[in-house]
Amino acid sequence: METKTISEFRSGNRIEGFFIIKSVECRVSSNNKRFLDLTLGDKTGDINSKVWDVSEEDENKYKQNSLIKVRAAVIEWQNNLQLKIDKIREAVPEDNVKIEDFVPSAPYPAEEMYNLVFEYIDKIKNEDIKNIVLEVLDDAGDKIMYWPAAKKNHHALRSGLLYHTTTMLRAGEKVSEIYTTLNTDLIYAGVILHDMAKLEEMLSSELGIVTDYSVEGQLIGHIVLGVEKIRKAAQKVNADPEISMILEHMILSHHYEAEYGSPKKPMFPEAEVLHHLDDMDAALFDMRKALEGIEPGTMSDAVWSLDKRRIYKFKFDKK
């Protein structure tokens, strides 16, 4: 048996390995036998898979977004590769497999990024600002460790919200070293808080895969939900009302344009910087993603989130 990623599969291979169930449906064949129709995935792609002659127990055992181990043959069906699964079982702790190895994930461990967030919180001097941030983070709970920052666009991967946040924190620190009149307490707090309501806006599994937007997310959105979150935290820690208002404005204005959800544009420097940090980090992530897998000297496909621009991968050595 060969251990291969999905991108390496070729017709005729016999493979054994672990995969994520992206979707699963019990169906009935033309000869009236029940089978499982699955889409399995790893970091490199997806593949349709079949388990024939399944029992009633098997019908209910295998769920979407769970890890499984399979032994299968790679076949070609209607010009597409498919897995004909001979053996299948759920993954168990003794397998020592990590979810991060099977789904798109941030390049750094969640614990490491979470600790970095607290390093920046420790740099916040104003106690009211610090207490608001700590209250919001405490309310987030464990979800912050695996939550993505989006469903499809920038940082739509496991622990993507932490990745987006920590990258912006580092960039914000460097910007503040140049523009020395900036209030770093507000920069760090704004970065940490600006997308925290995505925990309520989207519905995600522990795999960091967003299945849908919540009703609150669709009707209200993470910007307004984020303002409410700050206001509640400020009241709970008895913070200065002006500080709460300043942080609320930073959340309200960080998308800059009304068409993107911001009813106000930034009205003080730290709010302006927050918008540009967010916009830059999102754009650079999508550009890097667009350049993956293409040859130097060629253009990427059009990137919807970047106004359908095609991104060029230059040939000269960046070093």
Protein backbone atom coordinates (compact mmCIF):
# COMPACT_ATOMS: atom_id res chain seq x y z
CA MET A 1 0.00 0.00 0.00
CA GLU A 2 1.24 3.50 -0.87
CA THR A 3 0.89 6.60 1.29
CA LYS A 4 0.15 9.45 -1.07
CA THR A 5 -1.59 12.79 -1.00
CA ILE A 6 -4.66 13.23 -3.19
CA SER A 7 -2.73 15.38 -5.67
CA GLU A 8 -0.36 12.42 -6.22
CA PHE A 9 -3.09 9.85 -6.94
CA ARG A 10 -2.97 8.08 -10.29
CA SER A 11 -5.38 5.55 -11.73
CA GLY A 12 -4.33 2.04 -10.68
CA ASN A 13 -2.75 3.08 -7.37
CA ARG A 14 -3.54 1.15 -4.22
CA ILE A 15 -3.47 3.57 -1.31
CA GLU A 16 -3.86 3.63 2.45
CA GLY A 17 -4.13 6.74 4.56
CA PHE A 18 -6.08 9.24 6.60
CA PHE A 19 -8.52 11.77 5.14
CA ILE A 20 -11.18 14.28 6.15
CA ILE A 21 -14.79 13.59 5.18
CA LYS A 22 -15.90 16.75 3.37
CA SER A 23 -19.35 15.35 2.58
CA VAL A 24 -21.14 12.03 2.95
CA GLU A 25 -24.44 10.68 1.63
CA CYS A 26 -26.02 7.23 1.74
CA ARG A 27 -27.44 6.31 -1.66
CA VAL A 28 -29.00 3.34 -3.42
CA SER A 29 -27.41 1.76 -6.50
CA SER A 30 -29.23 0.53 -9.62
CA ASN A 31 -29.20 -3.02 -8.21
CA ASN A 32 -30.87 -1.72 -5.03
CA LYS A 33 -27.78 -1.92 -2.80
CA ARG A 34 -26.90 0.86 -0.40
CA PHE A 35 -23.55 2.64 -0.64
CA LEU A 36 -21.79 5.66 0.82
CA ASP A 37 -20.93 8.48 -1.56
CA LEU A 38 -18.17 10.53 0.09
CA THR A 39 -15.95 13.45 -0.78
CA LEU A 40 -12.63 12.96 0.99
CA GLY A 41 -10.01 15.64 1.35
CA ASP A 42 -6.51 16.46 2.50
CA LYS A 43 -4.36 19.59 2.18
CA THR A 44 -3.83 18.97 -1.53
CA GLY A 45 -7.36 18.43 -2.77
CA ASP A 46 -10.60 16.43 -2.77
CA ILE A 47 -11.66 13.16 -4.33
CA ASN A 48 -15.01 11.40 -4.73
CA SER A 49 -15.09 8.02 -3.00
CA LYS A 50 -17.45 5.07 -2.73
CA VAL A 51 -18.05 2.45 -0.05
CA TRP A 52 -20.22 -0.31 -1.50
CA ASP A 53 -22.67 -2.63 0.29
CA VAL A 54 -22.68 -0.68 3.54
CA SER A 55 -24.41 -1.80 6.71
CA GLU A 56 -26.94 0.26 8.59
CA GLU A 57 -24.30 0.85 11.25
CA ASP A 58 -21.91 2.29 8.65
CA GLU A 59 -24.60 4.62 7.34
CA ASN A 60 -24.66 6.49 10.63
CA LYS A 61 -21.04 6.09 11.70
CA TYR A 62 -19.23 8.35 9.26
CA LYS A 63 -19.97 12.05 9.58
CA GLN A 64 -18.94 15.18 7.74
CA ASN A 65 -15.75 16.84 9.03
CA SER A 66 -14.48 13.68 10.76
CA LEU A 67 -11.13 11.97 10.26
CA ILE A 68 -11.08 8.47 8.81
CA LYS A 69 -8.54 5.91 7.65
CA VAL A 70 -9.16 4.09 4.37
CA ARG A 71 -7.62 1.40 2.19
CA ALA A 72 -8.70 1.86 -1.40
CA ALA A 73 -8.05 1.54 -5.12
CA VAL A 74 -7.74 4.64 -7.28
CA ILE A 75 -9.89 4.20 -10.38
CA GLU A 76 -11.04 6.43 -13.21
CA TRP A 77 -14.75 7.06 -13.64
CA GLN A 78 -16.13 9.40 -16.31
CA ASN A 79 -12.71 11.01 -16.78
CA ASN A 80 -12.30 11.72 -13.06
CA LEU A 81 -10.30 9.88 -10.42
CA GLN A 82 -12.30 8.13 -7.73
CA LEU A 83 -11.56 5.96 -4.69
CA LYS A 84 -13.11 2.49 -4.45
CA ILE A 85 -12.81 1.95 -0.69
CA ASP A 86 -12.15 -1.60 0.55
CA LYS A 87 -11.69 -0.80 4.25
CA ILE A 88 -12.73 2.21 6.29
CA ARG A 89 -12.65 3.14 9.96
CA GLU A 90 -12.77 6.20 12.16
CA ALA A 91 -9.47 7.68 13.30
CA VAL A 92 -8.63 7.07 16.96
CA PRO A 93 -6.27 8.92 19.33
CA GLU A 94 -3.71 6.12 19.05
CA ASP A 95 -3.26 6.98 15.36
CA ASN A 96 -1.52 10.20 16.46
CA VAL A 97 -2.86 12.13 13.48
CA LYS A 98 -3.26 15.89 13.64
CA ILE A 99 -6.14 17.76 12.07
CA GLU A 100 -3.69 20.42 10.86
CA ASP A 101 -2.12 17.84 8.54
CA PHE A 102 -5.40 17.28 6.68
CA VAL A 103 -7.02 20.68 6.35
CA PRO A 104 -5.60 24.07 5.32
CA SER A 105 -4.15 25.52 8.51
CA ALA A 106 -2.17 28.51 9.69
CA PRO A 107 1.60 28.05 9.34
CA TYR A 108 2.16 28.46 13.07
CA PRO A 109 0.75 26.43 16.01
CA ALA A 110 -2.38 27.96 17.52
CA GLU A 111 -0.87 27.91 21.02
CA GLU A 112 2.16 29.86 19.80
CA MET A 113 -0.01 32.52 18.15
CA TYR A 114 -2.32 32.73 21.16
CA ASN A 115 0.65 33.33 23.44
CA LEU A 116 1.89 36.04 21.08
CA VAL A 117 -1.46 37.82 21.37
CA PHE A 118 -0.98 37.94 25.14
CA GLU A 119 2.53 39.30 24.71
CA TYR A 120 0.96 42.29 22.94
CA ILE A 121 -1.79 42.58 25.55
CA ASP A 122 0.95 42.86 28.19
CA LYS A 123 2.27 45.90 26.28
CA ILE A 124 -1.04 47.74 26.65
CA LYS A 125 -0.56 50.33 29.42
CA ASN A 126 -4.12 51.64 29.78
CA GLU A 127 -5.91 49.36 32.22
CA ASP A 128 -9.38 50.00 30.79
CA ILE A 129 -8.26 49.06 27.27
CA LYS A 130 -6.42 46.00 28.55
CA ASN A 131 -9.40 44.86 30.63
CA ILE A 132 -11.80 45.18 27.69
CA VAL A 133 -9.51 43.09 25.49
CA LEU A 134 -9.06 40.44 28.18
CA GLU A 135 -12.81 40.24 28.77
CA VAL A 136 -13.54 39.75 25.06
CA LEU A 137 -10.82 37.09 24.76
CA ASP A 138 -12.09 35.28 27.84
CA ASP A 139 -15.58 35.24 26.36
CA ALA A 140 -14.19 33.75 23.11
CA GLY A 141 -13.11 30.57 24.86
CA ASP A 142 -11.49 27.72 22.95
CA LYS A 143 -13.03 28.69 19.61
CA ILE A 144 -10.32 31.28 19.05
CA MET A 145 -7.79 28.45 18.78
CA TYR A 146 -9.20 26.99 15.54
CA TRP A 147 -11.57 29.59 14.09
CA PRO A 148 -10.93 30.76 10.52
CA ALA A 149 -11.04 34.44 9.57
CA ALA A 150 -13.35 33.90 6.58
CA LYS A 151 -15.42 31.32 4.76
CA LYS A 152 -13.68 31.61 1.37
CA ASN A 153 -11.38 34.61 1.18
CA HIS A 154 -8.36 35.67 3.20
CA HIS A 155 -7.24 33.42 6.05
CA ALA A 156 -10.02 30.89 5.40
CA LEU A 157 -8.11 28.14 7.17
CA ARG A 158 -7.86 26.50 10.55
CA SER A 159 -6.61 29.03 13.15
CA GLY A 160 -6.84 31.66 10.43
CA LEU A 161 -8.28 34.28 12.78
CA LEU A 162 -5.26 34.01 15.09
CA TYR A 163 -2.90 34.05 12.09
CA HIS A 164 -4.52 37.21 10.71
CA THR A 165 -4.46 38.85 14.15
CA THR A 166 -0.83 38.08 14.98
CA THR A 167 0.45 39.16 11.56
CA MET A 168 -1.37 42.47 11.96
CA LEU A 169 0.00 42.92 15.49
CA ARG A 170 3.57 42.55 14.27
CA ALA A 171 2.95 44.90 11.36
CA GLY A 172 1.22 47.42 13.63
CA GLU A 173 4.19 47.42 15.98
CA LYS A 174 6.55 48.24 13.10
CA VAL A 175 4.28 51.01 11.77
CA SER A 176 4.16 52.52 15.26
CA GLU A 177 7.96 52.63 15.37
CA ILE A 178 7.86 54.92 12.33
CA TYR A 179 4.78 56.99 13.19
CA THR A 180 5.73 57.59 16.80
CA THR A 181 2.66 59.68 17.71
CA LEU A 182 0.37 56.65 17.33
CA ASN A 183 -1.17 55.23 20.49
CA THR A 184 0.02 51.62 20.49
CA ASP A 185 -2.56 50.66 23.13
CA LEU A 186 -5.28 51.42 20.59
CA ILE A 187 -3.39 49.81 17.71
CA TYR A 188 -2.93 46.52 19.55
CA ALA A 189 -6.45 46.51 21.01
CA GLY A 190 -8.03 47.40 17.67
CA VAL A 191 -6.17 44.61 15.90
CA ILE A 192 -7.14 42.00 18.49
CA LEU A 193 -10.78 43.10 18.64
CA HIS A 194 -11.57 43.99 15.03
CA ASP A 195 -12.65 40.51 13.86
CA MET A 196 -13.51 38.84 17.16
CA ALA A 197 -17.23 38.81 16.35
CA LYS A 198 -16.51 36.46 13.46
CA LEU A 199 -16.82 33.82 16.17
CA GLU A 200 -20.55 34.61 16.12
CA GLU A 201 -20.83 35.58 12.45
CA MET A 202 -19.76 32.20 11.05
CA LEU A 203 -20.45 28.57 11.88
CA SER A 204 -17.26 26.52 11.93
CA SER A 205 -16.25 23.04 12.97
CA GLU A 206 -13.06 22.33 14.93
CA LEU A 207 -11.48 21.64 11.55
CA GLY A 208 -11.67 25.35 10.80
CA ILE A 209 -14.13 24.73 7.97
CA VAL A 210 -17.01 27.20 7.80
CA THR A 211 -20.25 25.48 6.93
CA ASP A 212 -22.38 28.63 6.78
CA TYR A 213 -23.00 32.06 8.23
CA SER A 214 -25.11 32.25 11.37
CA VAL A 215 -28.46 34.05 11.32
CA GLU A 216 -26.84 36.83 13.38
CA GLY A 217 -23.98 36.95 10.91
CA GLN A 218 -26.30 37.34 7.95
CA LEU A 219 -28.68 39.85 9.53
CA ILE A 220 -26.21 41.91 11.58
CA GLY A 221 -22.62 41.05 10.62
CA HIS A 222 -19.38 40.95 12.55
CA ILE A 223 -18.85 44.72 12.59
CA VAL A 224 -22.02 45.57 14.51
CA LEU A 225 -21.71 42.40 16.58
CA GLY A 226 -18.16 43.46 17.41
CA VAL A 227 -19.32 46.88 18.61
CA GLU A 228 -21.87 45.20 20.88
CA LYS A 229 -19.17 42.88 22.20
CA ILE A 230 -16.91 45.79 23.14
CA ARG A 231 -19.73 47.76 24.75
CA LYS A 232 -20.76 44.81 26.92
CA ALA A 233 -17.15 44.12 27.93
CA ALA A 234 -16.58 47.80 28.78
CA GLN A 235 -19.66 47.88 31.00
CA LYS A 236 -18.62 44.66 32.73
CA VAL A 237 -15.13 45.96 33.59
CA ASN A 238 -16.45 49.47 34.34
CA ALA A 239 -14.25 51.11 31.70
CA ASP A 240 -14.23 54.78 30.78
CA PRO A 241 -17.14 55.38 28.31
CA GLU A 242 -14.87 57.38 25.99
CA ILE A 243 -12.44 54.47 25.69
CA SER A 244 -15.29 52.13 24.84
CA MET A 245 -16.53 54.61 22.21
CA ILE A 246 -13.06 54.92 20.64
CA LEU A 247 -12.66 51.14 20.36
CA GLU A 248 -16.21 50.82 19.00
CA HIS A 249 -15.39 53.38 16.31
CA MET A 250 -12.29 51.44 15.29
CA ILE A 251 -14.43 48.35 14.72
CA LEU A 252 -17.16 50.31 12.92
CA SER A 253 -14.70 51.95 10.52
CA HIS A 254 -12.17 49.21 9.79
CA HIS A 255 -13.79 48.20 6.47
CA TYR A 256 -13.67 51.88 5.46
CA GLU A 257 -16.57 51.86 2.96
CA ALA A 258 -20.31 51.52 3.60
CA GLU A 259 -20.56 48.94 0.79
CA TYR A 260 -18.17 46.73 2.78
CA GLY A 261 -20.09 47.14 6.03
CA SER A 262 -18.53 50.23 7.64
CA PRO A 263 -21.06 53.02 8.37
CA LYS A 264 -18.20 55.37 9.32
CA LYS A 265 -14.74 56.06 7.92
CA PRO A 266 -11.81 56.34 10.35
CA MET A 267 -11.84 59.60 12.29
CA PHE A 268 -8.53 59.38 14.13
CA PRO A 269 -5.08 58.05 13.14
CA GLU A 270 -5.20 54.70 14.97
CA ALA A 271 -8.49 53.81 13.30
CA GLU A 272 -6.99 54.72 9.91
CA VAL A 273 -3.97 52.51 10.59
CA LEU A 274 -6.19 49.61 11.65
CA HIS A 275 -8.04 49.73 8.33
CA HIS A 276 -4.82 49.70 6.32
CA LEU A 277 -3.25 46.92 8.38
CA ASP A 278 -6.37 44.79 7.85
CA ASP A 279 -6.60 45.57 4.14
CA MET A 280 -2.89 44.95 3.54
CA ASP A 281 -2.80 41.66 5.42
CA ALA A 282 -5.87 40.35 3.62
CA ALA A 283 -4.59 41.38 0.17
CA LEU A 284 -1.10 39.93 0.70
CA PHE A 285 -2.56 36.64 1.93
CA ASP A 286 -4.73 36.33 -1.18
CA MET A 287 -1.82 37.27 -3.43
CA ARG A 288 0.46 34.64 -1.86
CA LYS A 289 -2.28 32.05 -2.23
CA ALA A 290 -2.82 32.96 -5.88
CA LEU A 291 0.90 32.46 -6.62
CA GLU A 292 1.05 28.96 -5.12
CA GLY A 293 1.59 26.28 -7.70
CA ILE A 294 2.17 28.53 -10.71
CA GLU A 295 5.42 28.82 -12.63
CA PRO A 296 7.68 31.91 -12.46
CA GLY A 297 7.01 34.26 -15.35
CA THR A 298 3.29 33.41 -15.48
CA MET A 299 0.07 34.99 -14.23
CA SER A 300 -2.38 33.53 -11.73
CA ASP A 301 -6.04 33.06 -12.39
CA ALA A 302 -8.23 36.08 -11.70
CA VAL A 303 -8.63 36.63 -7.96
CA TRP A 304 -12.18 37.62 -7.07
CA SER A 305 -11.25 39.23 -3.74
CA LEU A 306 -8.67 41.42 -5.50
CA ASP A 307 -11.09 42.92 -8.03
CA LYS A 308 -10.45 39.99 -10.37
CA ARG A 309 -6.80 40.94 -10.80
CA ARG A 310 -4.35 38.32 -12.06
CA ILE A 311 -1.14 38.21 -10.03
CA TYR A 312 2.29 37.91 -11.66
CA LYS A 313 4.99 35.58 -10.34
CA PHE A 314 8.34 37.08 -11.26
CA LYS A 315 11.34 35.01 -12.27
CA PHE A 316 14.30 36.74 -10.61
CA ASP A 317 15.63 35.54 -7.28
CA LYS A 318 14.00 37.57 -4.48
CA LYS A 319 17.02 36.96 -2.25
